[in-house]
Amino acid sequence: MTKVCSFVAVMLVMILVCDQFGANEAATCSASQLSPCLGAIQGGTAPSQDCCARLKNQQPCICGFMKDPNLRQYVNSPNARKVAGQCGVSIPSC
């Protein structure tokens, strides 16, 4: 269960980041890059600076994550949206 929650949280954060930067940024889309955000997404705690930096870096990937049926539900979760907002990353409408 922990691995599933962690994967979901990471994917959620990545989706949020992709919208902020758009497709013009050269980012390697990898949900594992968002591992510092897991605690914030799962536990509702404030995101770390590392989490926000990685979320912003993965922002170009968000629309792709939202289109993935395995990730979509996590990217749109209330906690993921909260973390994105706290990091100054907007959720895209893809």
PDB file of N, CA and C in Angstrom:
ATOM      1  N   MET A   1       0.826  -1.191   0.000  1.00  0.00           N
ATOM      2  CA  MET A   1       0.000   0.000   0.000  1.00  0.00           C
ATOM      3  C   MET A   1       0.868   1.251   0.000  1.00  0.00           C
ATOM      4  N   THR A   2       1.963   1.240   0.727  1.00  0.00           N
ATOM      5  CA  THR A   2       2.845   2.393   0.812  1.00  0.00           C
ATOM      6  C   THR A   2       3.471   2.705  -0.535  1.00  0.00           C
ATOM      7  N   LYS A   3       3.885   1.688  -1.265  1.00  0.00           N
ATOM      8  CA  LYS A   3       4.483   1.907  -2.577  1.00  0.00           C
ATOM      9  C   LYS A   3       3.467   2.500  -3.535  1.00  0.00           C
ATOM     10  N   VAL A   4       2.245   2.047  -3.462  1.00  0.00           N
ATOM     11  CA  VAL A   4       1.191   2.556  -4.340  1.00  0.00           C
ATOM     12  C   VAL A   4       0.913   4.009  -4.020  1.00  0.00           C
ATOM     13  N   CYS A   5       0.796   4.334  -2.746  1.00  0.00           N
ATOM     14  CA  CYS A   5       0.533   5.716  -2.342  1.00  0.00           C
ATOM     15  C   CYS A   5       1.678   6.637  -2.743  1.00  0.00           C
ATOM     16  N   SER A   6       2.886   6.168  -2.594  1.00  0.00           N
ATOM     17  CA  SER A   6       4.050   6.965  -2.959  1.00  0.00           C
ATOM     18  C   SER A   6       4.093   7.222  -4.451  1.00  0.00           C
ATOM     19  N   PHE A   7       3.826   6.196  -5.224  1.00  0.00           N
ATOM     20  CA  PHE A   7       3.833   6.344  -6.675  1.00  0.00           C
ATOM     21  C   PHE A   7       2.760   7.324  -7.116  1.00  0.00           C
ATOM     22  N   VAL A   8       1.598   7.218  -6.524  1.00  0.00           N
ATOM     23  CA  VAL A   8       0.476   8.090  -6.855  1.00  0.00           C
ATOM     24  C   VAL A   8       0.815   9.532  -6.504  1.00  0.00           C
ATOM     25  N   ALA A   9       1.386   9.741  -5.358  1.00  0.00           N
ATOM     26  CA  ALA A   9       1.735  11.081  -4.924  1.00  0.00           C
ATOM     27  C   ALA A   9       2.759  11.713  -5.858  1.00  0.00           C
ATOM     28  N   VAL A  10       3.738  10.959  -6.231  1.00  0.00           N
ATOM     29  CA  VAL A  10       4.773  11.458  -7.130  1.00  0.00           C
ATOM     30  C   VAL A  10       4.183  11.827  -8.477  1.00  0.00           C
ATOM     31  N   MET A  11       3.318  11.014  -8.993  1.00  0.00           N
ATOM     32  CA  MET A  11       2.718  11.284 -10.286  1.00  0.00           C
ATOM     33  C   MET A  11       1.845  12.533 -10.229  1.00  0.00           C
ATOM     34  N   LEU A  12       1.148  12.693  -9.159  1.00  0.00           N
ATOM     35  CA  LEU A  12       0.293  13.851  -8.984  1.00  0.00           C
ATOM     36  C   LEU A  12       1.108  15.133  -9.042  1.00  0.00           C
ATOM     37  N   VAL A  13       2.155  15.150  -8.326  1.00  0.00           N
ATOM     38  CA  VAL A  13       3.016  16.321  -8.281  1.00  0.00           C
ATOM     39  C   VAL A  13       3.616  16.609  -9.645  1.00  0.00           C
ATOM     40  N   MET A  14       4.008  15.588 -10.356  1.00  0.00           N
ATOM     41  CA  MET A  14       4.609  15.777 -11.670  1.00  0.00           C
ATOM     42  C   MET A  14       3.617  16.422 -12.626  1.00  0.00           C
ATOM     43  N   ILE A  15       2.414  16.037 -12.568  1.00  0.00           N
ATOM     44  CA  ILE A  15       1.393  16.599 -13.455  1.00  0.00           C
ATOM     45  C   ILE A  15       1.218  18.074 -13.176  1.00  0.00           C
ATOM     46  N   LEU A  16       1.210  18.424 -11.932  1.00  0.00           N
ATOM     47  CA  LEU A  16       1.033  19.810 -11.550  1.00  0.00           C
ATOM     48  C   LEU A  16       2.176  20.681 -12.052  1.00  0.00           C
ATOM     49  N   VAL A  17       3.347  20.162 -12.021  1.00  0.00           N
ATOM     50  CA  VAL A  17       4.526  20.917 -12.435  1.00  0.00           C
ATOM     51  C   VAL A  17       4.541  21.152 -13.932  1.00  0.00           C
ATOM     52  N   CYS A  18       4.146  20.200 -14.705  1.00  0.00           N
ATOM     53  CA  CYS A  18       4.217  20.300 -16.163  1.00  0.00           C
ATOM     54  C   CYS A  18       3.411  21.460 -16.706  1.00  0.00           C
ATOM     55  N   ASP A  19       2.290  21.769 -16.125  1.00  0.00           N
ATOM     56  CA  ASP A  19       1.450  22.857 -16.620  1.00  0.00           C
ATOM     57  C   ASP A  19       2.120  24.205 -16.427  1.00  0.00           C
ATOM     58  N   GLN A  20       2.816  24.380 -15.348  1.00  0.00           N
ATOM     59  CA  GLN A  20       3.439  25.657 -15.041  1.00  0.00           C
ATOM     60  C   GLN A  20       4.499  26.037 -16.069  1.00  0.00           C
ATOM     61  N   PHE A  21       5.293  25.110 -16.499  1.00  0.00           N
ATOM     62  CA  PHE A  21       6.377  25.404 -17.421  1.00  0.00           C
ATOM     63  C   PHE A  21       6.019  25.196 -18.874  1.00  0.00           C
ATOM     64  N   GLY A  22       5.034  24.413 -19.126  1.00  0.00           N
ATOM     65  CA  GLY A  22       4.656  24.137 -20.500  1.00  0.00           C
ATOM     66  C   GLY A  22       5.593  23.129 -21.140  1.00  0.00           C
ATOM     67  N   ALA A  23       5.315  22.808 -22.388  1.00  0.00           N
ATOM     68  CA  ALA A  23       6.095  21.788 -23.086  1.00  0.00           C
ATOM     69  C   ALA A  23       7.430  22.312 -23.591  1.00  0.00           C
ATOM     70  N   ASN A  24       7.696  23.602 -23.429  1.00  0.00           N
ATOM     71  CA  ASN A  24       8.931  24.174 -23.944  1.00  0.00           C
ATOM     72  C   ASN A  24      10.150  23.811 -23.098  1.00  0.00           C
ATOM     73  N   GLU A  25       9.947  23.488 -21.841  1.00  0.00           N
ATOM     74  CA  GLU A  25      11.051  23.120 -20.978  1.00  0.00           C
ATOM     75  C   GLU A  25      11.515  21.706 -21.320  1.00  0.00           C
ATOM     76  N   ALA A  26      12.801  21.520 -21.265  1.00  0.00           N
ATOM     77  CA  ALA A  26      13.343  20.189 -21.523  1.00  0.00           C
ATOM     78  C   ALA A  26      13.444  19.459 -20.190  1.00  0.00           C
ATOM     79  N   ALA A  27      12.464  18.668 -19.892  1.00  0.00           N
ATOM     80  CA  ALA A  27      12.449  17.925 -18.646  1.00  0.00           C
ATOM     81  C   ALA A  27      12.297  16.443 -18.954  1.00  0.00           C
ATOM     82  N   THR A  28      12.968  15.646 -18.175  1.00  0.00           N
ATOM     83  CA  THR A  28      12.799  14.210 -18.277  1.00  0.00           C
ATOM     84  C   THR A  28      11.651  13.850 -17.351  1.00  0.00           C
ATOM     85  N   CYS A  29      10.574  13.366 -17.925  1.00  0.00           N
ATOM     86  CA  CYS A  29       9.395  13.047 -17.134  1.00  0.00           C
ATOM     87  C   CYS A  29       9.636  11.777 -16.334  1.00  0.00           C
ATOM     88  N   SER A  30       9.680  11.950 -15.036  1.00  0.00           N
ATOM     89  CA  SER A  30       9.926  10.820 -14.147  1.00  0.00           C
ATOM     90  C   SER A  30       9.249  11.084 -12.817  1.00  0.00           C
ATOM     91  N   ALA A  31       8.268  10.272 -12.513  1.00  0.00           N
ATOM     92  CA  ALA A  31       7.537  10.425 -11.256  1.00  0.00           C
ATOM     93  C   ALA A  31       8.465  10.257 -10.052  1.00  0.00           C
ATOM     94  N   SER A  32       9.496   9.493 -10.193  1.00  0.00           N
ATOM     95  CA  SER A  32      10.414   9.270  -9.072  1.00  0.00           C
ATOM     96  C   SER A  32      11.134  10.553  -8.663  1.00  0.00           C
ATOM     97  N   GLN A  33      11.205  11.518  -9.567  1.00  0.00           N
ATOM     98  CA  GLN A  33      11.828  12.801  -9.235  1.00  0.00           C
ATOM     99  C   GLN A  33      11.032  13.569  -8.183  1.00  0.00           C
ATOM    100  N   LEU A  34       9.784  13.191  -8.007  1.00  0.00           N
ATOM    101  CA  LEU A  34       8.922  13.894  -7.067  1.00  0.00           C
ATOM    102  C   LEU A  34       8.842  13.216  -5.704  1.00  0.00           C
ATOM    103  N   SER A  35       9.738  12.301  -5.440  1.00  0.00           N
ATOM    104  CA  SER A  35       9.717  11.590  -4.158  1.00  0.00           C
ATOM    105  C   SER A  35       9.791  12.513  -2.939  1.00  0.00           C
ATOM    106  N   PRO A  36      10.468  13.669  -3.000  1.00  0.00           N
ATOM    107  CA  PRO A  36      10.470  14.560  -1.837  1.00  0.00           C
ATOM    108  C   PRO A  36       9.088  15.137  -1.504  1.00  0.00           C
ATOM    109  N   CYS A  37       8.133  14.972  -2.405  1.00  0.00           N
ATOM    110  CA  CYS A  37       6.790  15.512  -2.190  1.00  0.00           C
ATOM    111  C   CYS A  37       5.832  14.505  -1.564  1.00  0.00           C
ATOM    112  N   LEU A  38       6.257  13.276  -1.404  1.00  0.00           N
ATOM    113  CA  LEU A  38       5.368  12.219  -0.925  1.00  0.00           C
ATOM    114  C   LEU A  38       4.756  12.523   0.431  1.00  0.00           C
ATOM    115  N   GLY A  39       5.560  12.971   1.349  1.00  0.00           N
ATOM    116  CA  GLY A  39       5.048  13.265   2.684  1.00  0.00           C
ATOM    117  C   GLY A  39       3.986  14.341   2.662  1.00  0.00           C
ATOM    118  N   ALA A  40       4.216  15.366   1.866  1.00  0.00           N
ATOM    119  CA  ALA A  40       3.256  16.466   1.768  1.00  0.00           C
ATOM    120  C   ALA A  40       1.954  16.007   1.128  1.00  0.00           C
ATOM    121  N   ILE A  41       2.049  15.177   0.111  1.00  0.00           N
ATOM    122  CA  ILE A  41       0.850  14.716  -0.590  1.00  0.00           C
ATOM    123  C   ILE A  41       0.096  13.686   0.250  1.00  0.00           C
ATOM    124  N   GLN A  42       0.812  12.796   0.864  1.00  0.00           N
ATOM    125  CA  GLN A  42       0.159  11.750   1.649  1.00  0.00           C
ATOM    126  C   GLN A  42      -0.306  12.235   3.009  1.00  0.00           C
ATOM    127  N   GLY A  43       0.496  13.060   3.646  1.00  0.00           N
ATOM    128  CA  GLY A  43       0.191  13.456   5.015  1.00  0.00           C
ATOM    129  C   GLY A  43      -0.387  14.838   5.183  1.00  0.00           C
ATOM    130  N   GLY A  44      -0.420  15.602   4.109  1.00  0.00           N
ATOM    131  CA  GLY A  44      -0.970  16.945   4.195  1.00  0.00           C
ATOM    132  C   GLY A  44      -0.049  17.954   4.849  1.00  0.00           C
ATOM    133  N   THR A  45       1.224  17.618   4.978  1.00  0.00           N
ATOM    134  CA  THR A  45       2.187  18.555   5.560  1.00  0.00           C
ATOM    135  C   THR A  45       2.650  19.548   4.497  1.00  0.00           C
ATOM    136  N   ALA A  46       3.303  20.603   4.921  1.00  0.00           N
ATOM    137  CA  ALA A  46       3.813  21.600   3.989  1.00  0.00           C
ATOM    138  C   ALA A  46       4.931  20.987   3.142  1.00  0.00           C
ATOM    139  N   PRO A  47       4.964  21.298   1.840  1.00  0.00           N
ATOM    140  CA  PRO A  47       6.028  20.760   0.988  1.00  0.00           C
ATOM    141  C   PRO A  47       7.371  21.418   1.287  1.00  0.00           C
ATOM    142  N   SER A  48       8.429  20.659   1.115  1.00  0.00           N
ATOM    143  CA  SER A  48       9.779  21.185   1.313  1.00  0.00           C
ATOM    144  C   SER A  48      10.202  22.019   0.103  1.00  0.00           C
ATOM    145  N   GLN A  49      11.283  22.758   0.245  1.00  0.00           N
ATOM    146  CA  GLN A  49      11.821  23.525  -0.874  1.00  0.00           C
ATOM    147  C   GLN A  49      12.254  22.583  -1.996  1.00  0.00           C
ATOM    148  N   ASP A  50      12.806  21.442  -1.622  1.00  0.00           N
ATOM    149  CA  ASP A  50      13.231  20.452  -2.612  1.00  0.00           C
ATOM    150  C   ASP A  50      12.019  19.934  -3.382  1.00  0.00           C
ATOM    151  N   CYS A  51      10.931  19.662  -2.679  1.00  0.00           N
ATOM    152  CA  CYS A  51       9.695  19.207  -3.329  1.00  0.00           C
ATOM    153  C   CYS A  51       9.226  20.236  -4.347  1.00  0.00           C
ATOM    154  N   CYS A  52       9.137  21.490  -3.929  1.00  0.00           N
ATOM    155  CA  CYS A  52       8.653  22.541  -4.832  1.00  0.00           C
ATOM    156  C   CYS A  52       9.566  22.715  -6.042  1.00  0.00           C
ATOM    157  N   ALA A  53      10.867  22.647  -5.816  1.00  0.00           N
ATOM    158  CA  ALA A  53      11.810  22.787  -6.928  1.00  0.00           C
ATOM    159  C   ALA A  53      11.634  21.658  -7.932  1.00  0.00           C
ATOM    160  N   ARG A  54      11.471  20.458  -7.437  1.00  0.00           N
ATOM    161  CA  ARG A  54      11.292  19.316  -8.331  1.00  0.00           C
ATOM    162  C   ARG A  54       9.943  19.355  -9.025  1.00  0.00           C
ATOM    163  N   LEU A  55       8.924  19.804  -8.310  1.00  0.00           N
ATOM    164  CA  LEU A  55       7.604  19.923  -8.899  1.00  0.00           C
ATOM    165  C   LEU A  55       7.626  20.921 -10.057  1.00  0.00           C
ATOM    166  N   LYS A  56       8.276  22.035  -9.847  1.00  0.00           N
ATOM    167  CA  LYS A  56       8.393  23.043 -10.906  1.00  0.00           C
ATOM    168  C   LYS A  56       9.204  22.503 -12.080  1.00  0.00           C
ATOM    169  N   ASN A  57      10.200  21.705 -11.796  1.00  0.00           N
ATOM    170  CA  ASN A  57      11.036  21.123 -12.844  1.00  0.00           C
ATOM    171  C   ASN A  57      10.270  20.096 -13.679  1.00  0.00           C
ATOM    172  N   GLN A  58       9.334  19.400 -13.069  1.00  0.00           N
ATOM    173  CA  GLN A  58       8.554  18.371 -13.753  1.00  0.00           C
ATOM    174  C   GLN A  58       7.261  18.931 -14.354  1.00  0.00           C
ATOM    175  N   GLN A  59       7.026  20.201 -14.231  1.00  0.00           N
ATOM    176  CA  GLN A  59       5.782  20.799 -14.708  1.00  0.00           C
ATOM    177  C   GLN A  59       5.459  20.512 -16.172  1.00  0.00           C
ATOM    178  N   PRO A  60       6.439  20.470 -17.074  1.00  0.00           N
ATOM    179  CA  PRO A  60       6.116  20.171 -18.475  1.00  0.00           C
ATOM    180  C   PRO A  60       5.508  18.782 -18.671  1.00  0.00           C
ATOM    181  N   CYS A  61       5.582  17.953 -17.656  1.00  0.00           N
ATOM    182  CA  CYS A  61       5.090  16.570 -17.758  1.00  0.00           C
ATOM    183  C   CYS A  61       3.658  16.404 -17.276  1.00  0.00           C
ATOM    184  N   ILE A  62       3.095  17.398 -16.655  1.00  0.00           N
ATOM    185  CA  ILE A  62       1.797  17.259 -15.994  1.00  0.00           C
ATOM    186  C   ILE A  62       0.693  16.827 -16.950  1.00  0.00           C
ATOM    187  N   CYS A  63       0.585  17.440 -18.096  1.00  0.00           N
ATOM    188  CA  CYS A  63      -0.486  17.059 -19.026  1.00  0.00           C
ATOM    189  C   CYS A  63      -0.350  15.606 -19.462  1.00  0.00           C
ATOM    190  N   GLY A  64       0.866  15.167 -19.662  1.00  0.00           N
ATOM    191  CA  GLY A  64       1.080  13.771 -20.019  1.00  0.00           C
ATOM    192  C   GLY A  64       0.643  12.837 -18.909  1.00  0.00           C
ATOM    193  N   PHE A  65       0.921  13.214 -17.675  1.00  0.00           N
ATOM    194  CA  PHE A  65       0.494  12.408 -16.540  1.00  0.00           C
ATOM    195  C   PHE A  65      -1.023  12.402 -16.419  1.00  0.00           C
ATOM    196  N   MET A  66      -1.632  13.530 -16.714  1.00  0.00           N
ATOM    197  CA  MET A  66      -3.093  13.624 -16.600  1.00  0.00           C
ATOM    198  C   MET A  66      -3.789  12.768 -17.659  1.00  0.00           C
ATOM    199  N   LYS A  67      -3.125  12.557 -18.762  1.00  0.00           N
ATOM    200  CA  LYS A  67      -3.700  11.730 -19.827  1.00  0.00           C
ATOM    201  C   LYS A  67      -3.495  10.239 -19.575  1.00  0.00           C
ATOM    202  N   ASP A  68      -2.623   9.912 -18.655  1.00  0.00           N
ATOM    203  CA  ASP A  68      -2.350   8.516 -18.321  1.00  0.00           C
ATOM    204  C   ASP A  68      -3.424   8.025 -17.352  1.00  0.00           C
ATOM    205  N   PRO A  69      -4.216   7.030 -17.743  1.00  0.00           N
ATOM    206  CA  PRO A  69      -5.291   6.551 -16.865  1.00  0.00           C
ATOM    207  C   PRO A  69      -4.786   6.011 -15.521  1.00  0.00           C
ATOM    208  N   ASN A  70      -3.544   5.600 -15.459  1.00  0.00           N
ATOM    209  CA  ASN A  70      -2.988   5.092 -14.203  1.00  0.00           C
ATOM    210  C   ASN A  70      -2.564   6.210 -13.257  1.00  0.00           C
ATOM    211  N   LEU A  71      -2.348   7.392 -13.776  1.00  0.00           N
ATOM    212  CA  LEU A  71      -1.858   8.509 -12.963  1.00  0.00           C
ATOM    213  C   LEU A  71      -2.892   9.599 -12.727  1.00  0.00           C
ATOM    214  N   ARG A  72      -3.834   9.714 -13.619  1.00  0.00           N
ATOM    215  CA  ARG A  72      -4.807  10.807 -13.602  1.00  0.00           C
ATOM    216  C   ARG A  72      -5.467  11.003 -12.245  1.00  0.00           C
ATOM    217  N   GLN A  73      -5.945   9.946 -11.622  1.00  0.00           N
ATOM    218  CA  GLN A  73      -6.658  10.072 -10.359  1.00  0.00           C
ATOM    219  C   GLN A  73      -5.763  10.632  -9.249  1.00  0.00           C
ATOM    220  N   TYR A  74      -4.470  10.379  -9.333  1.00  0.00           N
ATOM    221  CA  TYR A  74      -3.556  10.858  -8.309  1.00  0.00           C
ATOM    222  C   TYR A  74      -3.167  12.311  -8.533  1.00  0.00           C
ATOM    223  N   VAL A  75      -3.025  12.659  -9.771  1.00  0.00           N
ATOM    224  CA  VAL A  75      -2.630  14.030 -10.108  1.00  0.00           C
ATOM    225  C   VAL A  75      -3.737  15.015  -9.758  1.00  0.00           C
ATOM    226  N   ASN A  76      -4.952  14.557  -9.814  1.00  0.00           N
ATOM    227  CA  ASN A  76      -6.087  15.417  -9.519  1.00  0.00           C
ATOM    228  C   ASN A  76      -6.564  15.308  -8.081  1.00  0.00           C
ATOM    229  N   SER A  77      -5.818  14.659  -7.219  1.00  0.00           N
ATOM    230  CA  SER A  77      -6.249  14.498  -5.829  1.00  0.00           C
ATOM    231  C   SER A  77      -6.198  15.844  -5.103  1.00  0.00           C
ATOM    232  N   PRO A  78      -7.035  16.003  -4.099  1.00  0.00           N
ATOM    233  CA  PRO A  78      -7.051  17.257  -3.338  1.00  0.00           C
ATOM    234  C   PRO A  78      -5.702  17.596  -2.705  1.00  0.00           C
ATOM    235  N   ASN A  79      -5.015  16.606  -2.155  1.00  0.00           N
ATOM    236  CA  ASN A  79      -3.715  16.889  -1.532  1.00  0.00           C
ATOM    237  C   ASN A  79      -2.670  17.289  -2.561  1.00  0.00           C
ATOM    238  N   ALA A  80      -2.689  16.682  -3.737  1.00  0.00           N
ATOM    239  CA  ALA A  80      -1.734  17.049  -4.782  1.00  0.00           C
ATOM    240  C   ALA A  80      -1.983  18.481  -5.240  1.00  0.00           C
ATOM    241  N   ARG A  81      -3.244  18.848  -5.373  1.00  0.00           N
ATOM    242  CA  ARG A  81      -3.581  20.220  -5.759  1.00  0.00           C
ATOM    243  C   ARG A  81      -3.141  21.213  -4.685  1.00  0.00           C
ATOM    244  N   LYS A  82      -3.290  20.812  -3.443  1.00  0.00           N
ATOM    245  CA  LYS A  82      -2.872  21.663  -2.320  1.00  0.00           C
ATOM    246  C   LYS A  82      -1.359  21.885  -2.353  1.00  0.00           C
ATOM    247  N   VAL A  83      -0.617  20.816  -2.560  1.00  0.00           N
ATOM    248  CA  VAL A  83       0.847  20.907  -2.616  1.00  0.00           C
ATOM    249  C   VAL A  83       1.268  21.793  -3.793  1.00  0.00           C
ATOM    250  N   ALA A  84       0.640  21.600  -4.925  1.00  0.00           N
ATOM    251  CA  ALA A  84       0.967  22.414  -6.098  1.00  0.00           C
ATOM    252  C   ALA A  84       0.725  23.888  -5.798  1.00  0.00           C
ATOM    253  N   GLY A  85      -0.398  24.191  -5.181  1.00  0.00           N
ATOM    254  CA  GLY A  85      -0.713  25.574  -4.829  1.00  0.00           C
ATOM    255  C   GLY A  85       0.306  26.160  -3.863  1.00  0.00           C
ATOM    256  N   GLN A  86       0.717  25.387  -2.875  1.00  0.00           N
ATOM    257  CA  GLN A  86       1.700  25.846  -1.913  1.00  0.00           C
ATOM    258  C   GLN A  86       3.058  26.075  -2.560  1.00  0.00           C
ATOM    259  N   CYS A  87       3.320  25.369  -3.653  1.00  0.00           N
ATOM    260  CA  CYS A  87       4.587  25.527  -4.394  1.00  0.00           C
ATOM    261  C   CYS A  87       4.482  26.578  -5.489  1.00  0.00           C
ATOM    262  N   GLY A  88       3.299  27.149  -5.671  1.00  0.00           N
ATOM    263  CA  GLY A  88       3.126  28.158  -6.711  1.00  0.00           C
ATOM    264  C   GLY A  88       3.026  27.564  -8.093  1.00  0.00           C
ATOM    265  N   VAL A  89       2.579  26.320  -8.184  1.00  0.00           N
ATOM    266  CA  VAL A  89       2.441  25.635  -9.460  1.00  0.00           C
ATOM    267  C   VAL A  89       0.950  25.479  -9.749  1.00  0.00           C
ATOM    268  N   SER A  90       0.534  25.930 -10.908  1.00  0.00           N
ATOM    269  CA  SER A  90      -0.886  25.833 -11.265  1.00  0.00           C
ATOM    270  C   SER A  90      -1.169  24.502 -11.947  1.00  0.00           C
ATOM    271  N   ILE A  91      -2.381  24.023 -11.747  1.00  0.00           N
ATOM    272  CA  ILE A  91      -2.824  22.783 -12.382  1.00  0.00           C
ATOM    273  C   ILE A  91      -3.324  23.122 -13.780  1.00  0.00           C
ATOM    274  N   PRO A  92      -2.806  22.459 -14.789  1.00  0.00           N
ATOM    275  CA  PRO A  92      -3.240  22.773 -16.170  1.00  0.00           C
ATOM    276  C   PRO A  92      -4.604  22.167 -16.498  1.00  0.00           C
ATOM    277  N   SER A  93      -5.224  22.747 -17.487  1.00  0.00           N
ATOM    278  CA  SER A  93      -6.413  22.119 -18.058  1.00  0.00           C
ATOM    279  C   SER A  93      -5.999  21.642 -19.434  1.00  0.00           C
ATOM    280  N   CYS A  94      -5.759  20.371 -19.543  1.00  0.00           N
ATOM    281  CA  CYS A  94      -5.195  19.789 -20.765  1.00  0.00           C
ATOM    282  C   CYS A  94      -6.284  19.283 -21.682  1.00  0.00           C
TER     283      CYS A  94
END
